[in-house]
C-alpha atoms as a PDB file:
ATOM      1  CA  GLN A   1      77.624  79.720 113.804  1.00  0.00           C
ATOM      2  CA  VAL A   2      76.018  77.665 116.568  1.00  0.00           C
ATOM      3  CA  GLN A   3      74.208  79.789 119.123  1.00  0.00           C
ATOM      4  CA  LEU A   4      73.599  78.970 122.773  1.00  0.00           C
ATOM      5  CA  VAL A   5      71.084  81.097 124.639  1.00  0.00           C
ATOM      6  CA  GLU A   6      70.688  80.684 128.384  1.00  0.00           C
ATOM      7  CA  SER A   7      67.902  82.184 130.449  1.00  0.00           C
ATOM      8  CA  GLY A   8      66.063  81.846 133.739  1.00  0.00           C
ATOM      9  CA  GLY A   9      68.594  83.126 136.224  1.00  0.00           C
ATOM     10  CA  GLY A  10      67.890  85.622 138.936  1.00  0.00           C
ATOM     11  CA  LEU A  11      68.224  86.548 142.582  1.00  0.00           C
ATOM     12  CA  VAL A  12      66.863  84.071 145.123  1.00  0.00           C
ATOM     13  CA  GLN A  13      67.179  83.466 148.841  1.00  0.00           C
ATOM     14  CA  PRO A  14      68.974  80.412 150.209  1.00  0.00           C
ATOM     15  CA  GLY A  15      66.660  77.425 149.943  1.00  0.00           C
ATOM     16  CA  GLY A  16      64.904  78.861 146.920  1.00  0.00           C
ATOM     17  CA  SER A  17      64.517  77.463 143.418  1.00  0.00           C
ATOM     18  CA  LEU A  18      65.186  78.479 139.842  1.00  0.00           C
ATOM     19  CA  ARG A  19      64.694  76.783 136.499  1.00  0.00           C
ATOM     20  CA  LEU A  20      67.257  77.557 133.824  1.00  0.00           C
ATOM     21  CA  SER A  21      66.748  77.035 130.106  1.00  0.00           C
ATOM     22  CA  CYS A  22      69.192  76.769 127.233  1.00  0.00           C
ATOM     23  CA  VAL A  23      68.214  76.848 123.586  1.00  0.00           C
ATOM     24  CA  ALA A  24      70.809  75.544 121.138  1.00  0.00           C
ATOM     25  CA  SER A  25      70.520  76.472 117.473  1.00  0.00           C
ATOM     26  CA  THR A  26      71.906  73.311 115.926  1.00  0.00           C
ATOM     27  CA  SER A  27      70.287  70.604 113.845  1.00  0.00           C
ATOM     28  CA  ARG A  28      72.427  68.040 115.680  1.00  0.00           C
ATOM     29  CA  PHE A  29      70.952  68.811 119.096  1.00  0.00           C
ATOM     30  CA  ASN A  30      69.288  65.412 119.376  1.00  0.00           C
ATOM     31  CA  ILE A  31      72.587  63.513 119.195  1.00  0.00           C
ATOM     32  CA  TYR A  32      74.531  65.703 121.614  1.00  0.00           C
ATOM     33  CA  ALA A  33      74.995  65.104 125.269  1.00  0.00           C
ATOM     34  CA  MET A  34      74.183  68.505 126.749  1.00  0.00           C
ATOM     35  CA  GLY A  35      75.691  70.016 129.841  1.00  0.00           C
ATOM     36  CA  TRP A  36      75.499  72.920 132.234  1.00  0.00           C
ATOM     37  CA  TYR A  37      78.582  74.714 133.492  1.00  0.00           C
ATOM     38  CA  ARG A  38      79.049  77.583 135.887  1.00  0.00           C
ATOM     39  CA  GLN A  39      81.651  80.164 136.748  1.00  0.00           C
ATOM     40  CA  ALA A  40      81.721  81.875 140.117  1.00  0.00           C
ATOM     41  CA  PRO A  41      83.658  85.076 140.814  1.00  0.00           C
ATOM     42  CA  GLY A  42      87.365  84.382 140.998  1.00  0.00           C
ATOM     43  CA  LYS A  43      86.972  80.746 139.996  1.00  0.00           C
ATOM     44  CA  GLN A  44      87.332  78.711 136.837  1.00  0.00           C
ATOM     45  CA  ARG A  45      84.336  77.492 134.922  1.00  0.00           C
ATOM     46  CA  GLU A  46      83.244  74.090 136.211  1.00  0.00           C
ATOM     47  CA  PHE A  47      80.984  71.288 135.077  1.00  0.00           C
ATOM     48  CA  VAL A  48      77.621  71.100 136.834  1.00  0.00           C
ATOM     49  CA  ALA A  49      75.414  68.546 135.080  1.00  0.00           C
ATOM     50  CA  ARG A  50      74.933  66.716 131.816  1.00  0.00           C
ATOM     51  CA  ILE A  51      72.318  64.636 130.073  1.00  0.00           C
ATOM     52  CA  THR A  52      73.055  62.292 127.191  1.00  0.00           C
ATOM     53  CA  ALA A  53      70.954  61.870 124.087  1.00  0.00           C
ATOM     54  CA  GLY A  54      69.555  58.754 125.747  1.00  0.00           C
ATOM     55  CA  GLY A  55      68.656  60.510 128.980  1.00  0.00           C
ATOM     56  CA  VAL A  56      71.503  59.378 131.230  1.00  0.00           C
ATOM     57  CA  THR A  57      72.433  62.100 133.718  1.00  0.00           C
ATOM     58  CA  ASN A  58      75.514  63.025 135.724  1.00  0.00           C
ATOM     59  CA  TYR A  59      76.061  65.747 138.298  1.00  0.00           C
ATOM     60  CA  LEU A  60      78.703  67.592 140.188  1.00  0.00           C
ATOM     61  CA  ASP A  61      78.759  66.017 143.652  1.00  0.00           C
ATOM     62  CA  SER A  62      77.802  69.226 145.424  1.00  0.00           C
ATOM     63  CA  VAL A  63      74.538  69.580 143.460  1.00  0.00           C
ATOM     64  CA  LYS A  64      73.354  65.967 143.573  1.00  0.00           C
ATOM     65  CA  GLY A  65      69.876  65.715 145.013  1.00  0.00           C
ATOM     66  CA  ARG A  66      69.256  69.425 144.495  1.00  0.00           C
ATOM     67  CA  PHE A  67      69.599  69.956 140.732  1.00  0.00           C
ATOM     68  CA  THR A  68      67.865  68.065 137.941  1.00  0.00           C
ATOM     69  CA  ILE A  69      68.842  68.292 134.286  1.00  0.00           C
ATOM     70  CA  SER A  70      66.363  67.476 131.538  1.00  0.00           C
ATOM     71  CA  ARG A  71      65.906  68.075 127.828  1.00  0.00           C
ATOM     72  CA  ASP A  72      63.204  68.633 125.246  1.00  0.00           C
ATOM     73  CA  ASN A  73      64.543  67.622 121.856  1.00  0.00           C
ATOM     74  CA  ALA A  74      61.536  69.033 120.026  1.00  0.00           C
ATOM     75  CA  LYS A  75      62.496  72.469 121.345  1.00  0.00           C
ATOM     76  CA  ASN A  76      66.283  72.088 121.171  1.00  0.00           C
ATOM     77  CA  THR A  77      66.257  72.980 124.844  1.00  0.00           C
ATOM     78  CA  VAL A  78      68.007  71.711 127.946  1.00  0.00           C
ATOM     79  CA  TYR A  79      66.829  72.659 131.430  1.00  0.00           C
ATOM     80  CA  LEU A  80      68.325  72.801 134.869  1.00  0.00           C
ATOM     81  CA  GLN A  81      65.911  72.709 137.775  1.00  0.00           C
ATOM     82  CA  MET A  82      67.731  74.082 140.797  1.00  0.00           C
ATOM     83  CA  ASN A  83      66.254  73.492 144.250  1.00  0.00           C
ATOM     84  CA  SER A  84      67.545  74.137 147.753  1.00  0.00           C
ATOM     85  CA  LEU A  85      69.892  76.757 146.400  1.00  0.00           C
ATOM     86  CA  GLU A  86      72.899  77.747 148.461  1.00  0.00           C
ATOM     87  CA  PRO A  87      75.093  80.860 148.358  1.00  0.00           C
ATOM     88  CA  GLU A  88      77.856  78.666 146.936  1.00  0.00           C
ATOM     89  CA  ASP A  89      75.692  78.149 143.841  1.00  0.00           C
ATOM     90  CA  THR A  90      76.081  81.809 142.922  1.00  0.00           C
ATOM     91  CA  ALA A  91      77.640  81.941 139.461  1.00  0.00           C
ATOM     92  CA  VAL A  92      77.021  82.598 135.814  1.00  0.00           C
ATOM     93  CA  TYR A  93      75.546  79.436 134.322  1.00  0.00           C
ATOM     94  CA  TYR A  94      76.296  78.321 130.768  1.00  0.00           C
ATOM     95  CA  CYS A  95      75.268  75.432 128.555  1.00  0.00           C
ATOM     96  CA  ASN A  96      77.305  73.512 125.994  1.00  0.00           C
ATOM     97  CA  PRO A  97      77.384  70.036 124.490  1.00  0.00           C
ATOM     98  CA  THR A  98      79.694  67.794 126.510  1.00  0.00           C
ATOM     99  CA  GLN A  99      82.383  65.376 125.421  1.00  0.00           C
ATOM    100  CA  GLY A 100      84.764  62.935 127.027  1.00  0.00           C
ATOM    101  CA  SER A 101      84.850  61.318 130.430  1.00  0.00           C
ATOM    102  CA  ARG A 102      85.442  64.668 132.129  1.00  0.00           C
ATOM    103  CA  TYR A 103      82.474  66.310 130.388  1.00  0.00           C
ATOM    104  CA  GLU A 104      84.475  68.945 128.603  1.00  0.00           C
ATOM    105  CA  PRO A 105      82.613  71.450 126.410  1.00  0.00           C
ATOM    106  CA  LEU A 106      82.315  70.538 122.757  1.00  0.00           C
ATOM    107  CA  PHE A 107      81.833  73.987 121.268  1.00  0.00           C
ATOM    108  CA  GLY A 108      84.618  76.513 121.338  1.00  0.00           C
ATOM    109  CA  SER A 109      82.218  79.384 121.842  1.00  0.00           C
ATOM    110  CA  TRP A 110      79.887  80.108 124.747  1.00  0.00           C
ATOM    111  CA  GLY A 111      76.634  81.928 125.130  1.00  0.00           C
ATOM    112  CA  GLN A 112      76.265  84.954 127.363  1.00  0.00           C
ATOM    113  CA  GLY A 113      75.204  82.791 130.287  1.00  0.00           C
ATOM    114  CA  THR A 114      72.594  83.558 132.904  1.00  0.00           C
ATOM    115  CA  GLN A 115      73.389  84.962 136.334  1.00  0.00           C
ATOM    116  CA  VAL A 116      72.257  83.071 139.419  1.00  0.00           C
ATOM    117  CA  THR A 117      72.645  84.885 142.709  1.00  0.00           C
ATOM    118  CA  VAL A 118      71.730  83.187 145.986  1.00  0.00           C
ATOM    119  CA  SER A 119      71.717  85.618 148.866  1.00  0.00           C
ATOM    120  CA  SER A 120      69.657  86.605 151.865  1.00  0.00           C
END
């Protein structure tokens, strides 16, 4: 019954920026660590970034210094600011609460995701 709605993707040139948003329809949003995941063509879905309920953040090594995750509990929304985008960042981006030391998704279902394409 929980819904995850991602938005903000698009087509950008290398070096460009995008800001993704994810709205989660759950009353427990404030206690969840929230994460972003992505799936590129021909690859498995991978963890990108997470933010705990207390504001602690973690990132995939390849996006450190370029991506910033944040949250607005009043809006049940988690954001991903993506700067200095590279073609390798091209993927469908999804959000989900995270769990465990490997930041696995908590919910069994996923939203539709939002497409990010980085190309010249």
